[in-house]
Protein backbone atom coordinates (compact mmCIF):
# COMPACT_ATOMS: atom_id res chain seq x y z
CA MET A 1 65.06 91.34 108.95
CA ASP A 2 64.96 88.44 106.43
CA VAL A 3 62.37 87.98 103.70
CA GLU A 4 60.26 85.53 105.68
CA ALA A 5 59.96 87.97 108.58
CA GLU A 6 59.07 90.88 106.23
CA LEU A 7 56.36 88.79 104.55
CA LEU A 8 54.91 87.79 107.96
CA ASP A 9 55.01 91.48 109.03
CA ILE A 10 53.00 92.48 105.87
CA LYS A 11 50.56 89.56 106.46
CA LEU A 12 50.10 90.70 110.01
CA ARG A 13 49.30 94.26 108.92
CA ILE A 14 46.82 93.03 106.39
CA MET A 15 45.12 90.81 109.04
CA MET A 16 44.97 93.74 111.37
CA LEU A 17 43.15 95.76 108.87
CA GLU A 18 40.79 92.82 108.17
CA ALA A 19 40.30 92.42 111.93
CA ALA A 20 39.26 96.08 112.24
CA LEU A 21 36.71 95.50 109.49
CA CYS A 22 35.63 92.06 110.69
CA PRO A 23 35.91 91.49 114.48
CA GLU A 24 35.32 87.71 114.34
CA ARG A 25 38.72 87.29 112.71
CA ALA A 26 40.55 88.74 115.78
CA GLY A 27 41.40 85.29 117.18
CA LYS A 28 43.27 84.38 114.06
CA LEU A 29 45.09 87.72 114.29
CA GLY A 30 46.52 86.67 117.64
CA LEU A 31 48.06 83.54 116.14
CA THR A 32 49.58 85.52 113.25
CA GLU A 33 51.13 87.98 115.73
CA LEU A 34 52.57 85.07 117.64
CA LYS A 35 54.02 83.57 114.45
CA ALA A 36 55.52 86.94 113.50
CA ASP A 37 57.01 87.39 116.92
CA ILE A 38 58.55 83.80 116.66
CA VAL A 39 59.96 84.53 113.23
CA GLU A 40 61.43 87.83 114.50
CA LEU A 41 62.90 86.15 117.48
CA ARG A 42 64.47 83.43 115.42
CA ASP A 43 65.97 86.05 113.12
CA GLN A 44 67.43 87.95 116.06
CA MET A 45 68.81 84.71 117.49
CA SER A 46 70.40 83.73 114.17
CA ARG A 47 72.09 87.18 113.96
CA ASN A 48 73.29 86.91 117.52
CA VAL A 49 74.67 83.39 117.11
CA ALA A 50 76.43 84.53 113.87
CA ALA A 51 77.92 87.65 115.71
CA LEU A 52 79.05 85.29 118.56
CA GLY A 53 80.74 83.02 116.01
CA GLY A 54 83.71 85.29 115.72
CA GLU A 55 83.98 86.16 119.44
CA PRO A 56 85.79 82.98 120.63
CA ALA A 57 88.44 83.30 117.91
CA ALA A 58 88.94 87.03 118.69
CA PHE A 59 89.11 86.25 122.42
CA HIS A 60 91.60 83.49 121.83
CA GLY A 61 93.81 85.84 119.86
CA ARG A 62 93.66 88.55 122.55
CA ASN A 63 94.24 85.88 125.22
CA ASP A 64 97.33 84.59 123.43
CA GLU A 65 98.71 88.16 123.20
CA HIS A 66 98.07 88.68 126.93
CA ASP A 67 99.66 85.42 127.80
CA GLU A 68 102.78 86.27 125.72
CA THR A 69 103.03 89.63 127.48
CA VAL A 70 102.71 88.08 130.84
CA ARG A 71 105.24 85.31 129.92
CA THR A 72 107.73 87.95 128.75
CA SER A 73 107.27 89.94 131.86
CA VAL A 74 107.73 86.98 134.16
CA THR A 75 110.78 85.84 132.21
CA ARG A 76 112.41 89.33 132.57
CA ARG A 77 111.73 89.36 136.25
CA LEU A 78 113.12 85.91 136.69
CA ASP A 79 116.34 86.86 134.83
CA LEU A 80 116.62 89.93 136.95
CA LEU A 81 116.24 87.87 140.10
CA ARG A 82 118.91 85.45 138.90
CA CYS A 83 121.35 88.29 138.25
CA GLU A 84 120.68 89.76 141.71
CA THR A 85 121.09 86.43 143.33
CA LEU A 86 124.51 85.98 141.56
CA GLU A 87 125.60 89.45 142.64
CA LEU A 88 124.60 88.67 146.20
CA ALA A 89 126.45 85.35 146.14
CA VAL A 90 129.60 87.20 144.88
CA ARG A 91 129.32 89.85 147.52
CA LEU A 92 128.75 87.18 150.23
CA ASP A 93 131.82 85.21 149.03
CA ARG A 94 133.89 88.50 149.18
CA LEU A 95 132.64 89.29 152.68
CA LEU A 96 133.46 85.71 153.81
CA GLU A 97 136.98 85.98 152.21
CA LYS A 98 137.60 89.25 154.05
CA ASP A 99 136.28 87.79 157.34
CA GLY A 100 138.43 84.68 157.01
CA ALA A 101 141.52 86.43 155.89
C-alpha cells in the first residue's frame, strides 16, 4: 500500500470514530470509505500493471525457445525422411536393375 492509501486509511478510521461519537457525520464517512476504496483499487491496479509489464517479455523469450525446439525437431525429422527416401530410391533402382537384368 502506498503512502496516499495509508493516509486515507488512517483518515477513514478517524472518521469512523467521529461518526460513532456524532451520527450526523455518517454520510461524510461513506464518501471517505468510497475514496479509500478507490485509492486502494488504483494501488492494486498499478501493482498488477507493473507485474504484467514483464510478462510479455518473459512469454516472448519462452516462445522463442519453444519455436527453436520445434524447428530443430522438424529439421531433424525432415533430414531423416530425406535419408529414408534416398535409401528407398537406391533399393528401388537395385530392384529394377535385377528385374531388368
